[in-house]
Amino acid sequence: MLSPKIQDALNAQINAEFWSAYLYLSMAMHFKAEGLEGVSNWFYVQFQEEQDHARIFMNYVNQRGGRVVLAPIAEVPTSWESPLAAFKATLEHENKVTALINNLYALATAENDYATCDRLKWFITEQVEEEDNDRTLIDKFTLVGDNGMGLYMLDQELASRAYTTPSPLAANE
């Protein structure tokens, strides 16, 4: 059984994951309208991943006998001046998500909730990957600069990103 503190914190994280999904969907739609199909695809896959992160947390709360309480999702930005600006915003956002996950882990440790600590380890590893991917893309877009052919090629590269079901969900499907 989850303690009330852990349940409330997990529900807040579920909301944060849905907010992240909504943010990345907004980015995907912005860049689709700009004609950058690959950049749009990258953010759309990110949108799907964030929805899955929320599902993982919801499944976990239910498995532990808790109750999922969905809250309204706050408004997200709707435009970015460039893919580089969007990826810088993405890295900044993922740094905040990492802090949220770390705070959850600290709370679970303080509450002696080792099952929640175990579940959060997957998210800790995931956040390291997310931040690394964002930094790599920031480096690539910085290198490309204003070069139209470089932007075209990078957009083509991002178009190949494919969605894969995260392991905590794949195990339950």
C-alpha atoms as a PDB file:
ATOM      1  CA  MET A   1       0.000   0.000   0.000  1.00  0.00           C
ATOM      2  CA  LEU A   2       1.224   3.477  -0.831  1.00  0.00           C
ATOM      3  CA  SER A   3       1.507   6.094   1.869  1.00  0.00           C
ATOM      4  CA  PRO A   4      -0.616   9.206   1.278  1.00  0.00           C
ATOM      5  CA  LYS A   5       2.578  11.247   0.693  1.00  0.00           C
ATOM      6  CA  ILE A   6       3.844   8.846  -1.966  1.00  0.00           C
ATOM      7  CA  GLN A   7       0.436   8.583  -3.625  1.00  0.00           C
ATOM      8  CA  ASP A   8       0.107  12.377  -3.816  1.00  0.00           C
ATOM      9  CA  ALA A   9       3.646  12.712  -5.168  1.00  0.00           C
ATOM     10  CA  LEU A  10       3.046  10.025  -7.805  1.00  0.00           C
ATOM     11  CA  ASN A  11      -0.190  11.698  -8.870  1.00  0.00           C
ATOM     12  CA  ALA A  12       1.694  14.983  -9.230  1.00  0.00           C
ATOM     13  CA  GLN A  13       4.264  13.164 -11.368  1.00  0.00           C
ATOM     14  CA  ILE A  14       1.516  11.696 -13.542  1.00  0.00           C
ATOM     15  CA  ASN A  15       0.303  15.250 -14.166  1.00  0.00           C
ATOM     16  CA  ALA A  16       3.872  16.345 -14.966  1.00  0.00           C
ATOM     17  CA  GLU A  17       4.253  13.486 -17.452  1.00  0.00           C
ATOM     18  CA  PHE A  18       1.002  14.424 -19.204  1.00  0.00           C
ATOM     19  CA  TRP A  19       2.157  18.067 -19.265  1.00  0.00           C
ATOM     20  CA  SER A  20       5.393  16.898 -20.883  1.00  0.00           C
ATOM     21  CA  ALA A  21       3.422  14.913 -23.453  1.00  0.00           C
ATOM     22  CA  TYR A  22       1.295  17.956 -24.237  1.00  0.00           C
ATOM     23  CA  LEU A  23       4.408  20.119 -24.565  1.00  0.00           C
ATOM     24  CA  TYR A  24       5.994  17.708 -27.048  1.00  0.00           C
ATOM     25  CA  LEU A  25       2.759  17.402 -29.003  1.00  0.00           C
ATOM     26  CA  SER A  26       2.697  21.197 -29.228  1.00  0.00           C
ATOM     27  CA  MET A  27       6.285  21.166 -30.511  1.00  0.00           C
ATOM     28  CA  ALA A  28       5.441  18.437 -33.034  1.00  0.00           C
ATOM     29  CA  MET A  29       2.501  20.419 -34.399  1.00  0.00           C
ATOM     30  CA  HIS A  30       4.535  23.647 -34.539  1.00  0.00           C
ATOM     31  CA  PHE A  31       7.300  22.080 -36.618  1.00  0.00           C
ATOM     32  CA  LYS A  32       4.844  20.190 -38.819  1.00  0.00           C
ATOM     33  CA  ALA A  33       3.292  23.555 -39.700  1.00  0.00           C
ATOM     34  CA  GLU A  34       6.827  24.856 -40.419  1.00  0.00           C
ATOM     35  CA  GLY A  35       7.416  22.009 -42.890  1.00  0.00           C
ATOM     36  CA  LEU A  36      10.026  20.247 -40.762  1.00  0.00           C
ATOM     37  CA  GLU A  37       8.486  16.772 -40.856  1.00  0.00           C
ATOM     38  CA  GLY A  38      11.500  15.074 -39.257  1.00  0.00           C
ATOM     39  CA  VAL A  39      11.654  17.468 -36.319  1.00  0.00           C
ATOM     40  CA  SER A  40       7.894  17.081 -35.958  1.00  0.00           C
ATOM     41  CA  ASN A  41       8.280  13.293 -35.981  1.00  0.00           C
ATOM     42  CA  TRP A  42      10.964  13.419 -33.276  1.00  0.00           C
ATOM     43  CA  PHE A  43       8.712  15.444 -30.996  1.00  0.00           C
ATOM     44  CA  TYR A  44       5.683  13.267 -31.802  1.00  0.00           C
ATOM     45  CA  VAL A  45       7.594  10.158 -30.716  1.00  0.00           C
ATOM     46  CA  GLN A  46       8.582  12.067 -27.576  1.00  0.00           C
ATOM     47  CA  PHE A  47       4.878  12.842 -27.014  1.00  0.00           C
ATOM     48  CA  GLN A  48       4.102   9.114 -27.178  1.00  0.00           C
ATOM     49  CA  GLU A  49       6.909   8.285 -24.756  1.00  0.00           C
ATOM     50  CA  GLU A  50       5.691  10.825 -22.202  1.00  0.00           C
ATOM     51  CA  GLN A  51       2.176   9.433 -22.368  1.00  0.00           C
ATOM     52  CA  ASP A  52       3.667   6.030 -21.675  1.00  0.00           C
ATOM     53  CA  HIS A  53       5.596   7.388 -18.711  1.00  0.00           C
ATOM     54  CA  ALA A  54       2.285   8.577 -17.262  1.00  0.00           C
ATOM     55  CA  ARG A  55       0.781   5.134 -17.950  1.00  0.00           C
ATOM     56  CA  ILE A  56       3.682   3.445 -16.147  1.00  0.00           C
ATOM     57  CA  PHE A  57       3.084   5.619 -13.093  1.00  0.00           C
ATOM     58  CA  MET A  58      -0.691   5.066 -13.244  1.00  0.00           C
ATOM     59  CA  ASN A  59      -0.246   1.291 -13.518  1.00  0.00           C
ATOM     60  CA  TYR A  60       2.145   1.383 -10.583  1.00  0.00           C
ATOM     61  CA  VAL A  61      -0.229   3.383  -8.370  1.00  0.00           C
ATOM     62  CA  ASN A  62      -2.989   0.902  -9.166  1.00  0.00           C
ATOM     63  CA  GLN A  63      -0.703  -2.098  -8.529  1.00  0.00           C
ATOM     64  CA  ARG A  64       0.101  -0.724  -5.081  1.00  0.00           C
ATOM     65  CA  GLY A  65      -3.559  -0.263  -4.164  1.00  0.00           C
ATOM     66  CA  GLY A  66      -3.507   3.495  -4.587  1.00  0.00           C
ATOM     67  CA  ARG A  67      -5.818   5.792  -6.446  1.00  0.00           C
ATOM     68  CA  VAL A  68      -4.904   7.743  -9.561  1.00  0.00           C
ATOM     69  CA  VAL A  69      -6.274  11.280  -9.444  1.00  0.00           C
ATOM     70  CA  LEU A  70      -5.965  13.159 -12.716  1.00  0.00           C
ATOM     71  CA  ALA A  71      -5.614  16.923 -12.497  1.00  0.00           C
ATOM     72  CA  PRO A  72      -5.944  19.587 -15.199  1.00  0.00           C
ATOM     73  CA  ILE A  73      -2.927  20.085 -17.416  1.00  0.00           C
ATOM     74  CA  ALA A  74      -1.499  23.596 -17.415  1.00  0.00           C
ATOM     75  CA  GLU A  75      -1.098  25.490 -20.675  1.00  0.00           C
ATOM     76  CA  VAL A  76       2.042  24.825 -22.718  1.00  0.00           C
ATOM     77  CA  PRO A  77       3.958  27.062 -25.153  1.00  0.00           C
ATOM     78  CA  THR A  78       2.882  26.820 -28.782  1.00  0.00           C
ATOM     79  CA  SER A  79       5.749  28.251 -30.831  1.00  0.00           C
ATOM     80  CA  TRP A  80       9.534  28.244 -30.993  1.00  0.00           C
ATOM     81  CA  GLU A  81      11.834  30.384 -33.119  1.00  0.00           C
ATOM     82  CA  SER A  82      13.848  27.393 -34.376  1.00  0.00           C
ATOM     83  CA  PRO A  83      14.492  23.697 -33.826  1.00  0.00           C
ATOM     84  CA  LEU A  84      17.583  24.686 -31.834  1.00  0.00           C
ATOM     85  CA  ALA A  85      15.456  26.844 -29.508  1.00  0.00           C
ATOM     86  CA  ALA A  86      12.977  23.978 -29.100  1.00  0.00           C
ATOM     87  CA  PHE A  87      15.694  21.472 -28.231  1.00  0.00           C
ATOM     88  CA  LYS A  88      17.233  23.912 -25.741  1.00  0.00           C
ATOM     89  CA  ALA A  89      13.778  24.244 -24.158  1.00  0.00           C
ATOM     90  CA  THR A  90      13.480  20.461 -24.208  1.00  0.00           C
ATOM     91  CA  LEU A  91      16.755  19.997 -22.343  1.00  0.00           C
ATOM     92  CA  GLU A  92      15.738  22.612 -19.783  1.00  0.00           C
ATOM     93  CA  HIS A  93      12.412  20.838 -19.320  1.00  0.00           C
ATOM     94  CA  GLU A  94      14.020  17.395 -19.020  1.00  0.00           C
ATOM     95  CA  ASN A  95      16.388  18.767 -16.364  1.00  0.00           C
ATOM     96  CA  LYS A  96      13.287  19.767 -14.366  1.00  0.00           C
ATOM     97  CA  VAL A  97      11.761  16.322 -14.863  1.00  0.00           C
ATOM     98  CA  THR A  98      14.998  14.756 -13.634  1.00  0.00           C
ATOM     99  CA  ALA A  99      14.747  16.867 -10.485  1.00  0.00           C
ATOM    100  CA  LEU A 100      11.142  15.733  -9.996  1.00  0.00           C
ATOM    101  CA  ILE A 101      12.140  12.073 -10.334  1.00  0.00           C
ATOM    102  CA  ASN A 102      15.074  12.566  -7.960  1.00  0.00           C
ATOM    103  CA  ASN A 103      12.757  14.221  -5.425  1.00  0.00           C
ATOM    104  CA  LEU A 104      10.331  11.307  -5.714  1.00  0.00           C
ATOM    105  CA  TYR A 105      13.176   8.886  -5.098  1.00  0.00           C
ATOM    106  CA  ALA A 106      14.300  10.859  -2.043  1.00  0.00           C
ATOM    107  CA  LEU A 107      10.733  10.851  -0.694  1.00  0.00           C
ATOM    108  CA  ALA A 108      10.353   7.108  -1.312  1.00  0.00           C
ATOM    109  CA  THR A 109      13.650   6.510   0.489  1.00  0.00           C
ATOM    110  CA  ALA A 110      12.552   8.654   3.447  1.00  0.00           C
ATOM    111  CA  GLU A 111       9.251   6.734   3.575  1.00  0.00           C
ATOM    112  CA  ASN A 112      11.091   3.369   3.408  1.00  0.00           C
ATOM    113  CA  ASP A 113       9.078   2.570   0.287  1.00  0.00           C
ATOM    114  CA  TYR A 114      11.596   0.338  -1.459  1.00  0.00           C
ATOM    115  CA  ALA A 115       9.152  -0.859  -4.102  1.00  0.00           C
ATOM    116  CA  THR A 116       8.665   2.726  -5.279  1.00  0.00           C
ATOM    117  CA  CYS A 117      12.437   3.247  -5.216  1.00  0.00           C
ATOM    118  CA  ASP A 118      12.790   0.186  -7.441  1.00  0.00           C
ATOM    119  CA  ARG A 119      10.191   1.474  -9.940  1.00  0.00           C
ATOM    120  CA  LEU A 120      11.847   4.903 -10.012  1.00  0.00           C
ATOM    121  CA  LYS A 121      15.236   3.425 -10.971  1.00  0.00           C
ATOM    122  CA  TRP A 122      13.926   2.863 -14.499  1.00  0.00           C
ATOM    123  CA  PHE A 123      12.931   6.529 -14.705  1.00  0.00           C
ATOM    124  CA  ILE A 124      16.315   7.676 -13.396  1.00  0.00           C
ATOM    125  CA  THR A 125      18.055   5.754 -16.184  1.00  0.00           C
ATOM    126  CA  GLU A 126      15.518   7.073 -18.702  1.00  0.00           C
ATOM    127  CA  GLN A 127      16.232  10.675 -17.678  1.00  0.00           C
ATOM    128  CA  VAL A 128      19.970  10.233 -18.230  1.00  0.00           C
ATOM    129  CA  GLU A 129      19.149   9.048 -21.772  1.00  0.00           C
ATOM    130  CA  GLU A 130      16.677  11.897 -22.377  1.00  0.00           C
ATOM    131  CA  GLU A 131      19.157  14.587 -21.360  1.00  0.00           C
ATOM    132  CA  ASP A 132      21.960  13.002 -23.389  1.00  0.00           C
ATOM    133  CA  ASN A 133      19.761  12.838 -26.507  1.00  0.00           C
ATOM    134  CA  ASP A 134      18.778  16.482 -26.091  1.00  0.00           C
ATOM    135  CA  ARG A 135      22.389  17.629 -25.702  1.00  0.00           C
ATOM    136  CA  THR A 136      23.381  15.654 -28.793  1.00  0.00           C
ATOM    137  CA  LEU A 137      20.633  17.291 -30.854  1.00  0.00           C
ATOM    138  CA  ILE A 138      21.513  20.740 -29.523  1.00  0.00           C
ATOM    139  CA  ASP A 139      25.102  20.113 -30.647  1.00  0.00           C
ATOM    140  CA  LYS A 140      23.938  19.006 -34.095  1.00  0.00           C
ATOM    141  CA  PHE A 141      21.601  21.975 -34.606  1.00  0.00           C
ATOM    142  CA  THR A 142      24.308  24.345 -33.358  1.00  0.00           C
ATOM    143  CA  LEU A 143      26.752  22.842 -35.846  1.00  0.00           C
ATOM    144  CA  VAL A 144      24.238  23.179 -38.691  1.00  0.00           C
ATOM    145  CA  GLY A 145      23.525  26.813 -37.829  1.00  0.00           C
ATOM    146  CA  ASP A 146      21.802  28.602 -40.712  1.00  0.00           C
ATOM    147  CA  ASN A 147      22.896  26.059 -43.328  1.00  0.00           C
ATOM    148  CA  GLY A 148      19.722  25.066 -45.169  1.00  0.00           C
ATOM    149  CA  MET A 149      21.175  21.838 -46.569  1.00  0.00           C
ATOM    150  CA  GLY A 150      22.397  20.864 -43.108  1.00  0.00           C
ATOM    151  CA  LEU A 151      18.939  21.533 -41.670  1.00  0.00           C
ATOM    152  CA  TYR A 152      17.383  19.450 -44.454  1.00  0.00           C
ATOM    153  CA  MET A 153      19.729  16.531 -43.739  1.00  0.00           C
ATOM    154  CA  LEU A 154      19.192  16.707 -39.986  1.00  0.00           C
ATOM    155  CA  ASP A 155      15.430  16.873 -40.536  1.00  0.00           C
ATOM    156  CA  GLN A 156      15.697  13.709 -42.659  1.00  0.00           C
ATOM    157  CA  GLU A 157      17.667  12.001 -39.882  1.00  0.00           C
ATOM    158  CA  LEU A 158      15.025  12.876 -37.276  1.00  0.00           C
ATOM    159  CA  ALA A 159      12.295  11.523 -39.548  1.00  0.00           C
ATOM    160  CA  SER A 160      13.665   8.021 -38.992  1.00  0.00           C
ATOM    161  CA  ARG A 161      13.016   8.023 -35.246  1.00  0.00           C
ATOM    162  CA  ALA A 162      10.494   5.324 -34.418  1.00  0.00           C
ATOM    163  CA  TYR A 163       8.392   4.800 -31.325  1.00  0.00           C
ATOM    164  CA  THR A 164       9.107   1.767 -29.143  1.00  0.00           C
ATOM    165  CA  THR A 165       7.072   0.686 -26.138  1.00  0.00           C
ATOM    166  CA  PRO A 166       9.020   1.241 -22.890  1.00  0.00           C
ATOM    167  CA  SER A 167      10.021  -1.991 -21.122  1.00  0.00           C
ATOM    168  CA  PRO A 168       7.782  -1.456 -18.045  1.00  0.00           C
ATOM    169  CA  LEU A 169       4.749  -1.367 -20.362  1.00  0.00           C
ATOM    170  CA  ALA A 170       5.968  -4.049 -22.778  1.00  0.00           C
ATOM    171  CA  ALA A 171       6.163  -6.484 -19.855  1.00  0.00           C
ATOM    172  CA  ASN A 172       2.446  -5.927 -19.124  1.00  0.00           C
ATOM    173  CA  GLU A 173       1.172  -6.142 -22.704  1.00  0.00           C
END
